N, C-alpha and C. Protein backbone atom coordinates (compact mmCIF):
# COMPACT_ATOMS: atom_id res chain seq x y z
N MET A 1 35.96 5.63 -30.25
CA MET A 1 36.87 5.87 -31.46
C MET A 1 38.20 5.09 -30.90
N TYR A 2 38.38 5.01 -29.66
CA TYR A 2 39.70 4.23 -29.12
C TYR A 2 39.41 2.95 -28.55
N ASP A 3 38.23 2.57 -28.39
CA ASP A 3 37.65 1.35 -27.82
C ASP A 3 37.88 1.24 -26.36
N ALA A 4 38.21 2.61 -25.68
CA ALA A 4 38.39 2.73 -24.40
C ALA A 4 37.06 2.43 -23.57
N VAL A 5 37.08 1.78 -22.47
CA VAL A 5 36.16 1.42 -21.55
C VAL A 5 36.25 2.03 -20.19
N TYR A 6 35.21 2.78 -19.88
CA TYR A 6 35.02 3.55 -18.75
C TYR A 6 33.86 3.13 -17.76
N SER A 7 34.19 3.33 -16.57
CA SER A 7 33.09 3.01 -15.66
C SER A 7 32.75 4.37 -14.73
N ALA A 8 31.82 4.28 -14.00
CA ALA A 8 31.42 5.47 -13.09
C ALA A 8 30.78 5.02 -11.91
N LEU A 9 30.50 6.11 -11.05
CA LEU A 9 29.88 5.93 -9.66
C LEU A 9 29.12 7.27 -9.33
N LEU A 10 28.10 7.08 -8.80
CA LEU A 10 27.60 8.45 -7.98
C LEU A 10 28.37 8.34 -6.59
N ALA A 11 29.34 9.30 -6.73
CA ALA A 11 30.27 9.55 -5.38
C ALA A 11 29.46 9.61 -4.41
N ASN A 12 28.54 10.36 -4.34
CA ASN A 12 27.61 10.67 -2.87
C ASN A 12 26.69 9.46 -2.54
N LYS A 13 26.70 8.51 -3.53
CA LYS A 13 25.83 7.38 -3.36
C LYS A 13 26.56 6.07 -3.44
N ALA A 14 27.79 6.13 -3.25
CA ALA A 14 28.76 4.96 -3.55
C ALA A 14 28.23 3.55 -2.91
N GLY A 15 27.57 3.87 -1.62
CA GLY A 15 27.32 2.61 -0.81
C GLY A 15 25.86 2.17 -1.24
N SER A 16 25.35 2.91 -2.09
CA SER A 16 23.85 2.64 -2.24
C SER A 16 23.61 1.59 -3.51
N GLN A 17 22.66 0.74 -3.43
CA GLN A 17 22.26 -0.14 -4.25
C GLN A 17 22.05 0.18 -5.82
N PRO A 18 22.90 -0.10 -6.70
CA PRO A 18 22.62 0.38 -8.26
C PRO A 18 21.46 -0.17 -8.59
N THR A 19 20.48 0.64 -9.20
CA THR A 19 19.08 0.19 -9.72
C THR A 19 18.67 0.60 -10.99
N CYS A 20 19.48 1.52 -11.56
CA CYS A 20 19.11 2.20 -12.85
C CYS A 20 20.19 2.05 -14.00
N GLU A 21 19.97 1.90 -14.89
CA GLU A 21 20.94 1.97 -16.10
C GLU A 21 20.88 3.48 -16.83
N TYR A 22 22.24 3.71 -17.13
CA TYR A 22 22.53 5.23 -17.60
C TYR A 22 23.41 5.13 -18.69
N ARG A 23 23.39 6.00 -19.63
CA ARG A 23 24.35 6.29 -20.73
C ARG A 23 25.08 7.42 -20.42
N VAL A 24 26.19 7.52 -20.39
CA VAL A 24 27.03 8.98 -20.09
C VAL A 24 27.58 9.51 -21.34
N SER A 25 27.02 10.62 -21.77
CA SER A 25 27.50 11.34 -22.86
C SER A 25 27.94 12.85 -22.50
N GLY A 26 28.51 13.33 -23.52
CA GLY A 26 28.89 14.64 -23.24
C GLY A 26 29.65 15.25 -24.33
N LYS A 27 30.12 16.50 -24.31
CA LYS A 27 30.85 17.04 -25.38
C LYS A 27 32.33 17.29 -25.19
N HIS A 28 32.99 16.23 -24.42
CA HIS A 28 34.37 16.25 -24.31
C HIS A 28 35.14 15.06 -24.98
N CYS A 29 34.47 14.41 -25.71
CA CYS A 29 35.23 13.11 -26.47
C CYS A 29 35.11 13.31 -27.63
N GLU A 30 35.93 12.27 -28.32
CA GLU A 30 35.87 12.34 -29.81
C GLU A 30 34.37 12.18 -30.44
N THR A 31 33.77 11.43 -29.76
CA THR A 31 32.27 11.31 -29.94
C THR A 31 31.47 11.77 -28.62
N ASP A 32 30.26 11.83 -28.70
CA ASP A 32 29.62 12.29 -27.56
C ASP A 32 29.31 11.20 -26.52
N LEU A 33 29.76 9.98 -26.74
CA LEU A 33 29.40 8.92 -25.93
C LEU A 33 30.66 8.54 -25.06
N LEU A 34 30.57 8.52 -23.68
CA LEU A 34 31.78 8.40 -22.90
C LEU A 34 31.68 6.83 -22.41
N ILE A 35 30.36 6.44 -21.81
CA ILE A 35 29.90 5.26 -21.27
C ILE A 35 28.61 4.69 -21.71
N ALA A 36 28.61 3.71 -22.54
CA ALA A 36 27.38 3.35 -23.15
C ALA A 36 26.29 2.61 -22.11
N SER A 37 26.86 2.00 -21.18
CA SER A 37 25.65 1.38 -20.25
C SER A 37 26.45 1.46 -18.83
N VAL A 38 25.84 2.06 -17.87
CA VAL A 38 26.28 1.77 -16.36
C VAL A 38 25.28 1.72 -15.56
N VAL A 39 25.24 0.79 -14.61
CA VAL A 39 24.13 0.80 -13.67
C VAL A 39 24.49 1.55 -12.29
N LEU A 40 23.66 2.43 -11.96
CA LEU A 40 23.88 3.23 -10.73
C LEU A 40 22.86 3.29 -9.79
N PRO A 41 22.92 3.72 -8.64
CA PRO A 41 21.87 4.20 -7.77
C PRO A 41 20.95 5.24 -8.64
N GLU A 42 19.67 5.45 -8.35
CA GLU A 42 18.84 6.45 -9.07
C GLU A 42 19.61 7.74 -8.96
N ALA A 43 19.85 8.49 -10.00
CA ALA A 43 20.43 9.68 -10.06
C ALA A 43 19.47 11.14 -9.92
N LYS A 44 19.96 11.91 -9.03
CA LYS A 44 19.06 13.15 -8.83
C LYS A 44 19.82 14.32 -9.07
N ILE A 45 19.07 15.48 -9.09
CA ILE A 45 20.16 16.67 -9.33
C ILE A 45 20.73 17.06 -8.18
N GLY A 46 21.98 17.27 -8.46
CA GLY A 46 23.04 17.41 -7.14
C GLY A 46 23.71 16.31 -7.01
N ASP A 47 23.69 15.04 -7.62
CA ASP A 47 24.49 13.80 -7.14
C ASP A 47 25.76 14.16 -7.98
N LEU A 48 26.85 13.51 -7.54
CA LEU A 48 28.07 13.78 -8.32
C LEU A 48 28.47 12.44 -8.87
N LEU A 49 28.58 12.40 -10.32
CA LEU A 49 29.00 11.25 -11.03
C LEU A 49 30.61 11.40 -11.04
N ALA A 50 31.09 10.32 -10.67
CA ALA A 50 32.50 10.20 -10.73
C ALA A 50 32.89 9.04 -11.95
N VAL A 51 33.67 9.69 -12.73
CA VAL A 51 34.35 8.80 -13.81
C VAL A 51 35.90 8.89 -13.66
N GLN A 52 36.30 7.59 -12.90
CA GLN A 52 37.62 7.67 -12.36
C GLN A 52 38.68 7.59 -13.15
N THR A 53 38.61 6.97 -14.27
CA THR A 53 39.89 6.51 -15.15
C THR A 53 39.47 6.94 -16.40
N THR A 54 39.60 8.20 -16.94
CA THR A 54 39.29 8.58 -18.19
C THR A 54 40.26 9.22 -18.99
N GLY A 55 41.44 8.52 -18.85
CA GLY A 55 42.71 9.10 -19.58
C GLY A 55 42.89 10.37 -19.96
N ALA A 56 42.62 11.05 -21.05
CA ALA A 56 42.89 12.48 -21.23
C ALA A 56 42.03 13.30 -20.61
N TYR A 57 41.01 12.86 -19.93
CA TYR A 57 40.13 13.95 -19.05
C TYR A 57 40.59 13.79 -17.60
N ASN A 58 41.61 13.21 -17.21
CA ASN A 58 42.16 13.28 -16.06
C ASN A 58 42.94 14.25 -15.93
N TYR A 59 43.33 14.95 -14.83
CA TYR A 59 44.28 15.95 -14.70
C TYR A 59 45.57 15.93 -15.42
N SER A 60 46.13 14.79 -15.30
CA SER A 60 47.58 14.57 -15.74
C SER A 60 47.66 14.82 -17.25
N MET A 61 46.55 14.25 -17.93
CA MET A 61 46.46 14.32 -19.34
C MET A 61 45.70 15.54 -20.00
N ALA A 62 45.11 16.39 -19.12
CA ALA A 62 44.13 17.26 -19.57
C ALA A 62 44.83 18.36 -20.33
N SER A 63 43.96 18.86 -21.47
CA SER A 63 44.54 19.87 -22.21
C SER A 63 43.26 20.90 -22.44
N ASN A 64 43.44 21.75 -23.23
CA ASN A 64 42.31 22.61 -23.63
C ASN A 64 41.76 22.37 -24.95
N TYR A 65 41.69 21.10 -25.27
CA TYR A 65 41.27 20.60 -26.47
C TYR A 65 39.79 20.91 -26.61
N ASN A 66 39.43 21.51 -27.60
CA ASN A 66 38.08 22.06 -27.89
C ASN A 66 37.79 23.21 -27.15
N ARG A 67 38.80 23.79 -26.53
CA ARG A 67 38.51 25.12 -25.77
C ARG A 67 37.91 24.82 -24.49
N PHE A 68 37.98 23.84 -23.96
CA PHE A 68 37.31 23.52 -22.58
C PHE A 68 38.43 23.56 -21.48
N THR A 69 37.74 24.00 -20.43
CA THR A 69 38.69 24.31 -19.23
C THR A 69 38.82 23.12 -18.31
N ARG A 70 40.08 23.12 -17.72
CA ARG A 70 40.53 21.95 -17.05
C ARG A 70 39.73 21.64 -15.83
N PRO A 71 39.56 20.41 -15.25
CA PRO A 71 38.74 20.29 -13.95
C PRO A 71 39.58 20.69 -12.65
N ALA A 72 38.72 20.62 -11.68
CA ALA A 72 39.54 20.68 -10.37
C ALA A 72 40.13 19.37 -10.19
N VAL A 73 40.96 19.38 -8.94
CA VAL A 73 41.63 18.00 -8.53
C VAL A 73 41.19 17.90 -7.27
N VAL A 74 40.61 17.04 -6.74
CA VAL A 74 40.17 16.89 -5.18
C VAL A 74 40.90 15.45 -4.73
N LEU A 75 41.73 15.55 -3.59
CA LEU A 75 42.32 14.53 -2.84
C LEU A 75 41.11 13.96 -1.92
N VAL A 76 41.04 12.79 -1.84
CA VAL A 76 39.96 12.25 -1.02
C VAL A 76 40.72 11.14 -0.17
N LYS A 77 40.80 11.17 1.37
CA LYS A 77 41.39 10.12 2.00
C LYS A 77 40.68 10.12 3.28
N ASP A 78 40.38 8.98 3.86
CA ASP A 78 39.98 8.73 5.26
C ASP A 78 38.58 9.69 5.47
N GLY A 79 37.75 9.76 4.32
CA GLY A 79 36.57 10.59 4.57
C GLY A 79 36.71 12.01 4.41
N GLN A 80 37.84 12.49 4.24
CA GLN A 80 38.19 14.11 4.19
C GLN A 80 38.56 14.22 2.65
N ALA A 81 37.58 15.30 2.16
CA ALA A 81 38.13 15.79 0.78
C ALA A 81 38.69 17.20 0.79
N ASP A 82 39.75 17.19 0.04
CA ASP A 82 40.56 18.58 0.00
C ASP A 82 40.73 19.05 -1.40
N LEU A 83 40.46 20.23 -1.77
CA LEU A 83 40.68 20.84 -3.23
C LEU A 83 42.32 20.98 -3.26
N ILE A 84 42.86 20.23 -4.43
CA ILE A 84 44.29 20.59 -4.36
C ILE A 84 44.69 21.21 -5.63
N VAL A 85 43.74 21.31 -6.50
CA VAL A 85 44.03 22.20 -7.81
C VAL A 85 42.66 22.85 -8.08
N ARG A 86 42.55 24.16 -8.20
CA ARG A 86 41.27 24.66 -8.35
C ARG A 86 40.66 24.47 -9.93
N ARG A 87 39.62 24.51 -10.05
CA ARG A 87 39.06 24.31 -11.69
C ARG A 87 39.46 25.52 -12.29
N GLU A 88 39.80 25.29 -13.65
CA GLU A 88 40.23 26.37 -14.58
C GLU A 88 38.98 27.21 -14.91
N THR A 89 39.22 28.32 -15.11
CA THR A 89 38.19 29.18 -15.54
C THR A 89 38.19 29.63 -17.00
N LEU A 90 37.18 30.37 -17.64
CA LEU A 90 37.29 30.79 -18.79
C LEU A 90 38.29 31.91 -18.97
N ASP A 91 38.30 32.66 -17.85
CA ASP A 91 39.38 33.86 -17.87
C ASP A 91 40.89 33.28 -17.76
N ASP A 92 41.05 32.09 -17.29
CA ASP A 92 42.40 31.26 -17.31
C ASP A 92 42.49 30.85 -18.56
N LEU A 93 41.54 30.32 -19.19
CA LEU A 93 41.73 29.77 -20.65
C LEU A 93 42.22 30.79 -21.63
N VAL A 94 41.58 32.01 -21.62
CA VAL A 94 41.83 32.92 -22.63
C VAL A 94 42.66 34.18 -22.35
N LYS A 95 43.45 33.87 -21.05
CA LYS A 95 44.18 35.20 -20.76
C LYS A 95 45.33 35.67 -21.61
N CYS A 96 45.87 34.63 -22.36
CA CYS A 96 47.00 34.93 -23.39
C CYS A 96 46.54 35.05 -24.72
N ASP A 97 45.22 35.03 -24.93
CA ASP A 97 44.45 35.21 -26.27
C ASP A 97 44.69 36.83 -26.56
N MET A 98 44.98 37.17 -27.81
CA MET A 98 45.07 38.50 -28.06
C MET A 98 44.09 38.73 -29.59
N ILE A 99 43.60 39.80 -29.66
CA ILE A 99 42.93 40.10 -30.94
C ILE A 99 43.59 41.42 -31.47
N PRO A 100 44.11 41.34 -32.64
CA PRO A 100 44.52 42.47 -33.33
C PRO A 100 43.83 43.59 -33.40
N ASP A 101 44.46 44.65 -33.31
CA ASP A 101 43.53 46.02 -33.47
C ASP A 101 42.64 45.89 -34.70
N ARG A 102 43.33 45.44 -35.81
CA ARG A 102 42.69 45.63 -37.16
C ARG A 102 41.51 44.64 -37.23
N LEU A 103 41.35 43.84 -36.24
CA LEU A 103 40.17 42.90 -36.27
C LEU A 103 39.09 43.14 -35.27
N LYS A 104 39.24 44.29 -34.54
CA LYS A 104 38.11 44.70 -33.63
C LYS A 104 37.19 45.47 -34.18
């Protein structure tokens, strides 16, 4: 929709040879397609897909658009990873919501 171009890597296989072409899709974009084509090492369950520069999907621009929770933020330096902002939970997201008694 905005002609933005994103790239990705498998964070836990960043040093591995890319061998497979993938399409990255999901429910967080104006369309369901985030990356039309990216070549990565073979992905397995448990691998970590990192999409490093995704505009509104990064923490600084994150919102609850479509009622999705905001992601965690992890600082990585010198091979050490530290959680610096925890992932938002559904309870966090709805904590201020109210249902009037007449609608219960």
